[in-house]
Amino acid sequence: MDDNKFHANTEDSEDQITRVIMPNKRKGEMFGIVEKLSGGSHLTVMCEDGFTRASRIPGKMKKRMWIREKDLVIVKPWQFQNEKADIVYRYTQTQANYLSRNSALPEIINIFK
């Protein structure tokens, strides 16, 4: 009876570190919360800088990732029209809760308390 083998496996799974993608501030990316779905891969997103931007889901993400209201996303505002942005990444609910618990989200968009 090798009970230690079973306990070692459970300890390894508990010590596993969850890594989460963060916005690249040098590229202008920031956190946002989806407020409204406008149809045709267009969304209204409340960004961490306080602006509400009309955002779009790029073609490479359109079929692979479904985005719903109140999802945490990374947006990248357009350089020539600051009131518009592209969606870069969508967090799962587990990832969003992890970021909220570790105080990585700005207070203005932290709805996962």
C-alpha atoms as a PDB file:
ATOM      1  CA  MET A   1       0.000   0.000   0.000  1.00  0.00           C
ATOM      2  CA  ASP A   2       1.660   3.157  -1.217  1.00  0.00           C
ATOM      3  CA  ASP A   3      -0.454   5.959   0.315  1.00  0.00           C
ATOM      4  CA  ASN A   4       2.297   8.543  -0.131  1.00  0.00           C
ATOM      5  CA  LYS A   5       1.959   8.338  -3.896  1.00  0.00           C
ATOM      6  CA  PHE A   6      -1.660   9.487  -3.739  1.00  0.00           C
ATOM      7  CA  HIS A   7      -0.953  12.367  -1.360  1.00  0.00           C
ATOM      8  CA  ALA A   8       1.949  13.598  -3.454  1.00  0.00           C
ATOM      9  CA  ASN A   9      -0.323  13.953  -6.485  1.00  0.00           C
ATOM     10  CA  THR A  10      -2.909  15.994  -4.604  1.00  0.00           C
ATOM     11  CA  GLU A  11      -0.254  18.291  -3.151  1.00  0.00           C
ATOM     12  CA  ASP A  12       1.203  18.957  -6.597  1.00  0.00           C
ATOM     13  CA  SER A  13      -2.181  19.940  -8.006  1.00  0.00           C
ATOM     14  CA  GLU A  14      -2.809  22.391  -5.113  1.00  0.00           C
ATOM     15  CA  ASP A  15       0.580  24.077  -5.552  1.00  0.00           C
ATOM     16  CA  GLN A  16      -0.014  24.703  -9.243  1.00  0.00           C
ATOM     17  CA  ILE A  17       0.316  28.393 -10.163  1.00  0.00           C
ATOM     18  CA  THR A  18      -2.339  29.973 -12.364  1.00  0.00           C
ATOM     19  CA  ARG A  19      -0.913  32.414 -14.867  1.00  0.00           C
ATOM     20  CA  VAL A  20      -3.120  35.074 -16.360  1.00  0.00           C
ATOM     21  CA  ILE A  21      -2.462  37.320 -19.355  1.00  0.00           C
ATOM     22  CA  MET A  22      -2.167  40.984 -18.383  1.00  0.00           C
ATOM     23  CA  PRO A  23      -2.671  44.041 -20.639  1.00  0.00           C
ATOM     24  CA  ASN A  24       0.506  45.400 -22.223  1.00  0.00           C
ATOM     25  CA  LYS A  25       0.495  49.056 -21.137  1.00  0.00           C
ATOM     26  CA  ARG A  26       3.277  49.955 -23.600  1.00  0.00           C
ATOM     27  CA  LYS A  27       1.015  48.918 -26.485  1.00  0.00           C
ATOM     28  CA  GLY A  28      -1.882  50.882 -25.005  1.00  0.00           C
ATOM     29  CA  GLU A  29      -3.919  47.862 -23.897  1.00  0.00           C
ATOM     30  CA  MET A  30      -6.210  48.099 -20.864  1.00  0.00           C
ATOM     31  CA  PHE A  31      -8.915  46.235 -18.961  1.00  0.00           C
ATOM     32  CA  GLY A  32     -12.560  46.684 -19.871  1.00  0.00           C
ATOM     33  CA  ILE A  33     -16.009  45.356 -18.996  1.00  0.00           C
ATOM     34  CA  VAL A  34     -18.499  44.582 -21.762  1.00  0.00           C
ATOM     35  CA  GLU A  35     -21.601  46.695 -21.150  1.00  0.00           C
ATOM     36  CA  LYS A  36     -23.706  46.002 -24.221  1.00  0.00           C
ATOM     37  CA  LEU A  37     -23.698  43.775 -27.295  1.00  0.00           C
ATOM     38  CA  SER A  38     -24.529  45.849 -30.366  1.00  0.00           C
ATOM     39  CA  GLY A  39     -24.645  43.020 -32.910  1.00  0.00           C
ATOM     40  CA  GLY A  40     -22.402  42.245 -35.839  1.00  0.00           C
ATOM     41  CA  SER A  41     -19.325  41.690 -33.626  1.00  0.00           C
ATOM     42  CA  HIS A  42     -19.627  45.203 -32.149  1.00  0.00           C
ATOM     43  CA  LEU A  43     -19.692  45.857 -28.397  1.00  0.00           C
ATOM     44  CA  THR A  44     -19.819  48.744 -25.956  1.00  0.00           C
ATOM     45  CA  VAL A  45     -16.995  48.446 -23.416  1.00  0.00           C
ATOM     46  CA  MET A  46     -16.371  50.441 -20.222  1.00  0.00           C
ATOM     47  CA  CYS A  47     -12.588  50.866 -20.039  1.00  0.00           C
ATOM     48  CA  GLU A  48     -10.414  51.329 -16.966  1.00  0.00           C
ATOM     49  CA  ASP A  49      -9.652  54.950 -17.923  1.00  0.00           C
ATOM     50  CA  GLY A  50     -13.342  55.836 -17.499  1.00  0.00           C
ATOM     51  CA  PHE A  51     -14.256  56.075 -21.203  1.00  0.00           C
ATOM     52  CA  THR A  52     -16.942  53.980 -22.841  1.00  0.00           C
ATOM     53  CA  ARG A  53     -15.711  52.794 -26.222  1.00  0.00           C
ATOM     54  CA  ALA A  54     -17.388  51.186 -29.212  1.00  0.00           C
ATOM     55  CA  SER A  55     -15.331  48.021 -29.689  1.00  0.00           C
ATOM     56  CA  ARG A  56     -15.198  45.277 -32.254  1.00  0.00           C
ATOM     57  CA  ILE A  57     -14.170  41.655 -32.179  1.00  0.00           C
ATOM     58  CA  PRO A  58     -11.440  41.027 -34.788  1.00  0.00           C
ATOM     59  CA  GLY A  59     -11.975  38.273 -37.337  1.00  0.00           C
ATOM     60  CA  LYS A  60      -9.421  35.901 -35.823  1.00  0.00           C
ATOM     61  CA  MET A  61     -11.351  35.873 -32.511  1.00  0.00           C
ATOM     62  CA  LYS A  62     -14.889  36.029 -33.883  1.00  0.00           C
ATOM     63  CA  LYS A  63     -15.603  32.298 -34.247  1.00  0.00           C
ATOM     64  CA  ARG A  64     -13.302  31.067 -31.485  1.00  0.00           C
ATOM     65  CA  MET A  65     -14.359  33.171 -28.526  1.00  0.00           C
ATOM     66  CA  TRP A  66     -17.897  34.063 -27.498  1.00  0.00           C
ATOM     67  CA  ILE A  67     -18.192  37.306 -25.576  1.00  0.00           C
ATOM     68  CA  ARG A  68     -21.150  38.148 -23.325  1.00  0.00           C
ATOM     69  CA  GLU A  69     -22.194  41.149 -21.238  1.00  0.00           C
ATOM     70  CA  LYS A  70     -20.210  41.672 -18.004  1.00  0.00           C
ATOM     71  CA  ASP A  71     -17.190  39.774 -19.372  1.00  0.00           C
ATOM     72  CA  LEU A  72     -13.733  41.088 -18.486  1.00  0.00           C
ATOM     73  CA  VAL A  73     -11.715  41.817 -21.624  1.00  0.00           C
ATOM     74  CA  ILE A  74      -8.495  43.464 -22.743  1.00  0.00           C
ATOM     75  CA  VAL A  75      -9.088  46.288 -25.229  1.00  0.00           C
ATOM     76  CA  LYS A  76      -6.686  48.253 -27.382  1.00  0.00           C
ATOM     77  CA  PRO A  77      -7.967  51.743 -28.332  1.00  0.00           C
ATOM     78  CA  TRP A  78      -7.424  52.859 -31.902  1.00  0.00           C
ATOM     79  CA  GLN A  79      -4.640  55.419 -32.352  1.00  0.00           C
ATOM     80  CA  PHE A  80      -6.597  57.619 -34.758  1.00  0.00           C
ATOM     81  CA  GLN A  81     -10.034  57.362 -33.056  1.00  0.00           C
ATOM     82  CA  ASN A  82      -9.765  57.105 -29.290  1.00  0.00           C
ATOM     83  CA  GLU A  83     -13.508  56.431 -28.868  1.00  0.00           C
ATOM     84  CA  LYS A  84     -13.155  53.065 -30.675  1.00  0.00           C
ATOM     85  CA  ALA A  85     -11.163  49.953 -29.741  1.00  0.00           C
ATOM     86  CA  ASP A  86     -10.414  46.340 -30.630  1.00  0.00           C
ATOM     87  CA  ILE A  87     -10.908  43.395 -28.277  1.00  0.00           C
ATOM     88  CA  VAL A  88      -7.592  41.623 -27.677  1.00  0.00           C
ATOM     89  CA  TYR A  89      -8.501  38.942 -25.108  1.00  0.00           C
ATOM     90  CA  ARG A  90     -11.473  37.713 -23.057  1.00  0.00           C
ATOM     91  CA  TYR A  91     -10.976  36.366 -19.546  1.00  0.00           C
ATOM     92  CA  THR A  92     -12.870  33.351 -18.257  1.00  0.00           C
ATOM     93  CA  GLN A  93     -14.909  33.777 -15.064  1.00  0.00           C
ATOM     94  CA  THR A  94     -12.237  31.955 -13.061  1.00  0.00           C
ATOM     95  CA  GLN A  95      -9.479  34.225 -14.377  1.00  0.00           C
ATOM     96  CA  ALA A  96     -11.543  37.353 -13.664  1.00  0.00           C
ATOM     97  CA  ASN A  97     -12.195  36.234 -10.079  1.00  0.00           C
ATOM     98  CA  TYR A  98      -8.472  35.491  -9.649  1.00  0.00           C
ATOM     99  CA  LEU A  99      -7.537  39.004 -10.827  1.00  0.00           C
ATOM    100  CA  SER A 100     -10.155  40.536  -8.527  1.00  0.00           C
ATOM    101  CA  ARG A 101      -8.944  38.590  -5.483  1.00  0.00           C
ATOM    102  CA  ASN A 102      -5.333  39.623  -6.129  1.00  0.00           C
ATOM    103  CA  SER A 103      -6.264  43.325  -6.559  1.00  0.00           C
ATOM    104  CA  ALA A 104      -5.005  43.428 -10.149  1.00  0.00           C
ATOM    105  CA  LEU A 105      -8.181  45.109 -11.460  1.00  0.00           C
ATOM    106  CA  PRO A 106      -8.753  48.881 -11.205  1.00  0.00           C
ATOM    107  CA  GLU A 107     -11.531  49.820  -8.788  1.00  0.00           C
ATOM    108  CA  ILE A 108     -13.658  51.419 -11.550  1.00  0.00           C
ATOM    109  CA  ILE A 109     -14.246  48.104 -13.370  1.00  0.00           C
ATOM    110  CA  ASN A 110     -13.982  45.584 -10.538  1.00  0.00           C
ATOM    111  CA  ILE A 111     -17.479  44.051 -10.559  1.00  0.00           C
ATOM    112  CA  PHE A 112     -16.275  40.637  -9.343  1.00  0.00           C
ATOM    113  CA  LYS A 113     -16.134  41.487  -5.605  1.00  0.00           C
END
